[in-house]
C-alpha atoms as a PDB file:
ATOM      1  CA  MET A   1      57.750   3.877 -19.347  1.00  0.00           C
ATOM      2  CA  ILE A   2      54.717   1.587 -19.494  1.00  0.00           C
ATOM      3  CA  ARG A   3      56.071   0.039 -22.655  1.00  0.00           C
ATOM      4  CA  PHE A   4      59.325  -0.808 -20.822  1.00  0.00           C
ATOM      5  CA  TYR A   5      57.455  -2.770 -18.267  1.00  0.00           C
ATOM      6  CA  GLN A   6      55.222  -4.443 -20.924  1.00  0.00           C
ATOM      7  CA  TYR A   7      58.433  -6.004 -22.388  1.00  0.00           C
ATOM      8  CA  PHE A   8      60.920  -6.092 -19.493  1.00  0.00           C
ATOM      9  CA  THR A   9      58.795  -8.007 -17.296  1.00  0.00           C
ATOM     10  CA  PRO A  10      58.196 -10.924 -19.656  1.00  0.00           C
ATOM     11  CA  ALA A  11      61.951 -10.676 -20.598  1.00  0.00           C
ATOM     12  CA  LEU A  12      62.793 -11.250 -16.895  1.00  0.00           C
ATOM     13  CA  LEU A  13      60.395 -14.050 -16.677  1.00  0.00           C
ATOM     14  CA  LEU A  14      61.684 -15.713 -19.892  1.00  0.00           C
ATOM     15  CA  LEU A  15      65.233 -15.331 -18.519  1.00  0.00           C
ATOM     16  CA  LEU A  16      64.386 -17.002 -15.326  1.00  0.00           C
ATOM     17  CA  ALA A  17      62.532 -19.830 -17.416  1.00  0.00           C
ATOM     18  CA  GLU A  18      65.628 -20.255 -19.555  1.00  0.00           C
ATOM     19  CA  GLY A  19      67.842 -20.472 -16.324  1.00  0.00           C
ATOM     20  CA  LEU A  20      65.394 -23.063 -14.764  1.00  0.00           C
ATOM     21  CA  ILE A  21      65.498 -25.074 -18.109  1.00  0.00           C
ATOM     22  CA  GLU A  22      69.415 -24.854 -18.228  1.00  0.00           C
ATOM     23  CA  ARG A  23      69.694 -26.000 -14.471  1.00  0.00           C
ATOM     24  CA  TYR A  24      66.963 -28.486 -14.003  1.00  0.00           C
ATOM     25  CA  VAL A  25      65.602 -29.925 -17.258  1.00  0.00           C
ATOM     26  CA  HIS A  26      67.806 -32.576 -18.937  1.00  0.00           C
ATOM     27  CA  ASP A  27      65.433 -34.143 -21.470  1.00  0.00           C
ATOM     28  CA  ASN A  28      65.338 -34.439 -25.271  1.00  0.00           C
ATOM     29  CA  VAL A  29      62.503 -32.071 -25.930  1.00  0.00           C
ATOM     30  CA  ILE A  30      62.117 -29.292 -23.385  1.00  0.00           C
ATOM     31  CA  ARG A  31      65.664 -28.200 -22.987  1.00  0.00           C
ATOM     32  CA  PRO A  32      66.826 -28.210 -26.592  1.00  0.00           C
ATOM     33  CA  TYR A  33      63.602 -27.149 -28.400  1.00  0.00           C
ATOM     34  CA  ALA A  34      61.621 -25.049 -26.098  1.00  0.00           C
ATOM     35  CA  GLY A  35      64.762 -23.308 -24.833  1.00  0.00           C
ATOM     36  CA  ASP A  36      65.507 -22.161 -28.452  1.00  0.00           C
ATOM     37  CA  LEU A  37      61.990 -21.088 -28.962  1.00  0.00           C
ATOM     38  CA  LEU A  38      61.846 -18.959 -25.828  1.00  0.00           C
ATOM     39  CA  VAL A  39      65.330 -17.445 -26.371  1.00  0.00           C
ATOM     40  CA  VAL A  40      64.217 -15.479 -29.516  1.00  0.00           C
ATOM     41  CA  VAL A  41      61.134 -14.280 -27.579  1.00  0.00           C
ATOM     42  CA  LEU A  42      63.610 -13.168 -24.749  1.00  0.00           C
ATOM     43  CA  ILE A  43      65.785 -11.357 -27.014  1.00  0.00           C
ATOM     44  CA  TYR A  44      62.771  -9.693 -28.753  1.00  0.00           C
ATOM     45  CA  CYS A  45      61.447  -8.657 -25.361  1.00  0.00           C
ATOM     46  CA  LEU A  46      64.740  -7.159 -24.328  1.00  0.00           C
ATOM     47  CA  ILE A  47      65.181  -5.069 -27.456  1.00  0.00           C
ATOM     48  CA  LYS A  48      61.586  -3.807 -27.372  1.00  0.00           C
ATOM     49  CA  SER A  49      62.211  -2.854 -23.605  1.00  0.00           C
ATOM     50  CA  PHE A  50      64.767  -0.156 -24.420  1.00  0.00           C
ATOM     51  CA  ILE A  51      64.180   0.587 -28.092  1.00  0.00           C
ATOM     52  CA  ASN A  52      60.684   1.487 -29.648  1.00  0.00           C
ATOM     53  CA  THR A  53      61.247  -0.171 -33.076  1.00  0.00           C
ATOM     54  CA  PRO A  54      58.612  -1.603 -35.384  1.00  0.00           C
ATOM     55  CA  VAL A  55      57.343  -5.164 -34.449  1.00  0.00           C
ATOM     56  CA  LEU A  56      58.064  -6.713 -37.903  1.00  0.00           C
ATOM     57  CA  LYS A  57      61.645  -5.279 -38.319  1.00  0.00           C
ATOM     58  CA  THR A  58      62.535  -6.306 -34.702  1.00  0.00           C
ATOM     59  CA  ALA A  59      61.256  -9.803 -35.053  1.00  0.00           C
ATOM     60  CA  VAL A  60      62.968 -10.335 -38.475  1.00  0.00           C
ATOM     61  CA  GLY A  61      66.239  -8.883 -36.976  1.00  0.00           C
ATOM     62  CA  VAL A  62      66.020 -11.215 -33.967  1.00  0.00           C
ATOM     63  CA  LEU A  63      65.426 -14.122 -36.166  1.00  0.00           C
ATOM     64  CA  LEU A  64      68.206 -13.276 -38.596  1.00  0.00           C
ATOM     65  CA  PHE A  65      70.545 -12.925 -35.607  1.00  0.00           C
ATOM     66  CA  ALA A  66      69.408 -16.245 -34.245  1.00  0.00           C
ATOM     67  CA  TYR A  67      69.960 -17.883 -37.671  1.00  0.00           C
ATOM     68  CA  ALA A  68      73.601 -16.279 -37.863  1.00  0.00           C
ATOM     69  CA  VAL A  69      74.367 -17.887 -34.298  1.00  0.00           C
ATOM     70  CA  GLU A  70      73.151 -21.207 -35.474  1.00  0.00           C
ATOM     71  CA  ILE A  71      75.037 -20.888 -38.827  1.00  0.00           C
ATOM     72  CA  SER A  72      78.177 -20.124 -36.887  1.00  0.00           C
ATOM     73  CA  GLN A  73      77.726 -23.379 -34.974  1.00  0.00           C
ATOM     74  CA  TYR A  74      77.930 -25.092 -38.402  1.00  0.00           C
ATOM     75  CA  PHE A  75      81.249 -23.548 -39.072  1.00  0.00           C
ATOM     76  CA  ASN A  76      82.424 -24.249 -35.496  1.00  0.00           C
ATOM     77  CA  LEU A  77      83.075 -20.700 -34.673  1.00  0.00           C
ATOM     78  CA  VAL A  78      83.578 -21.469 -30.991  1.00  0.00           C
ATOM     79  CA  VAL A  79      86.591 -23.713 -31.900  1.00  0.00           C
ATOM     80  CA  LEU A  80      87.804 -21.238 -34.543  1.00  0.00           C
ATOM     81  CA  LEU A  81      87.978 -18.632 -31.828  1.00  0.00           C
ATOM     82  CA  GLY A  82      89.632 -20.933 -29.398  1.00  0.00           C
ATOM     83  CA  LEU A  83      86.709 -20.728 -27.073  1.00  0.00           C
ATOM     84  CA  GLN A  84      85.810 -24.354 -26.892  1.00  0.00           C
ATOM     85  CA  ASN A  85      86.737 -24.746 -23.279  1.00  0.00           C
ATOM     86  CA  SER A  86      84.687 -21.640 -22.271  1.00  0.00           C
ATOM     87  CA  ARG A  87      81.287 -22.575 -20.702  1.00  0.00           C
ATOM     88  CA  PRO A  88      79.931 -18.861 -21.383  1.00  0.00           C
ATOM     89  CA  ALA A  89      81.042 -18.991 -24.952  1.00  0.00           C
ATOM     90  CA  LEU A  90      79.393 -22.347 -25.478  1.00  0.00           C
ATOM     91  CA  LEU A  91      76.273 -21.256 -23.718  1.00  0.00           C
ATOM     92  CA  LEU A  92      75.946 -18.151 -25.860  1.00  0.00           C
ATOM     93  CA  LEU A  93      77.311 -19.413 -29.117  1.00  0.00           C
ATOM     94  CA  GLY A  94      76.442 -23.128 -28.748  1.00  0.00           C
ATOM     95  CA  HIS A  95      78.341 -25.905 -30.401  1.00  0.00           C
ATOM     96  CA  SER A  96      76.147 -27.943 -32.663  1.00  0.00           C
ATOM     97  CA  PHE A  97      74.278 -26.894 -35.645  1.00  0.00           C
ATOM     98  CA  SER A  98      70.592 -28.151 -36.098  1.00  0.00           C
ATOM     99  CA  TRP A  99      67.942 -27.576 -38.577  1.00  0.00           C
ATOM    100  CA  LEU A 100      65.415 -28.182 -35.764  1.00  0.00           C
ATOM    101  CA  ASP A 101      66.945 -25.177 -33.949  1.00  0.00           C
ATOM    102  CA  MET A 102      66.349 -23.142 -37.041  1.00  0.00           C
ATOM    103  CA  LEU A 103      62.633 -24.243 -36.909  1.00  0.00           C
ATOM    104  CA  CYS A 104      62.356 -23.471 -33.265  1.00  0.00           C
ATOM    105  CA  TYR A 105      63.747 -19.865 -33.791  1.00  0.00           C
ATOM    106  CA  THR A 106      61.226 -19.405 -36.525  1.00  0.00           C
ATOM    107  CA  LEU A 107      58.324 -20.793 -34.413  1.00  0.00           C
ATOM    108  CA  GLY A 108      59.340 -18.380 -31.567  1.00  0.00           C
ATOM    109  CA  ILE A 109      59.364 -15.320 -33.878  1.00  0.00           C
ATOM    110  CA  THR A 110      56.022 -16.457 -35.361  1.00  0.00           C
ATOM    111  CA  LEU A 111      54.688 -16.630 -31.947  1.00  0.00           C
ATOM    112  CA  VAL A 112      55.933 -13.102 -31.255  1.00  0.00           C
ATOM    113  CA  ILE A 113      54.250 -11.823 -34.250  1.00  0.00           C
ATOM    114  CA  ILE A 114      51.039 -13.412 -33.474  1.00  0.00           C
ATOM    115  CA  ILE A 115      50.987 -12.139 -29.977  1.00  0.00           C
ATOM    116  CA  GLU A 116      51.919  -8.655 -31.226  1.00  0.00           C
ATOM    117  CA  LYS A 117      49.126  -8.597 -33.663  1.00  0.00           C
ATOM    118  CA  LEU A 118      46.588  -9.830 -31.097  1.00  0.00           C
ATOM    119  CA  ARG A 119      47.778  -6.961 -28.684  1.00  0.00           C
ATOM    120  CA  ALA A 120      47.215  -4.494 -31.352  1.00  0.00           C
ATOM    121  CA  VAL A 121      43.694  -5.365 -32.012  1.00  0.00           C
ATOM    122  CA  PRO A 122      41.249  -3.282 -29.961  1.00  0.00           C
ATOM    123  CA  ASP A 123      39.320  -5.629 -27.456  1.00  0.00           C
ATOM    124  CA  ALA A 124      35.785  -5.576 -28.823  1.00  0.00           C
ATOM    125  CA  GLY A 125      34.420  -6.311 -25.345  1.00  0.00           C
ATOM    126  CA  THR A 126      35.654  -3.109 -23.928  1.00  0.00           C
ATOM    127  CA  HIS A 127      33.145  -0.848 -25.672  1.00  0.00           C
ATOM    128  CA  ARG A 128      32.877   2.424 -23.922  1.00  0.00           C
ATOM    129  CA  PRO A 129      29.468   3.898 -23.861  1.00  0.00           C
ATOM    130  CA  SER A 130      29.147   7.378 -25.141  1.00  0.00           C
ATOM    131  CA  LYS A 131      28.489  10.044 -22.845  1.00  0.00           C
ATOM    132  CA  ILE A 132      24.949  11.262 -23.463  1.00  0.00           C
ATOM    133  CA  LYS A 133      24.196  14.877 -22.254  1.00  0.00           C
ATOM    134  CA  VAL A 134      20.803  15.321 -20.517  1.00  0.00           C
ATOM    135  CA  LYS A 135      19.166  18.674 -20.767  1.00  0.00           C
END
């Protein structure tokens, strides 16, 4: 249950951040690039909230999924499916391919892997003294 909250809480915070970016940020850097970086972290956290999967396999799976969505934009999947007027479809599938988006997804998953590796290293500063028996 602890693992659930370790991942679900960040997922909720990232979802909130994504919503705030979508609603209030209309620039040329944060919205398009930070949003893409954060979305792969969000998906990773959601998966890890419910399924205890290995870090690297999950990270690579999320990255491949993000790449697939981006590649679907190259082929105009939204138009092919007739969903070009659907705001939810455009929000989820996007509508324009970008190599910079692919880079942002890669950087986001790299960040995930780094954080997970740092979390896995025992903290050297939390040395517990051994219990000494006094006779």
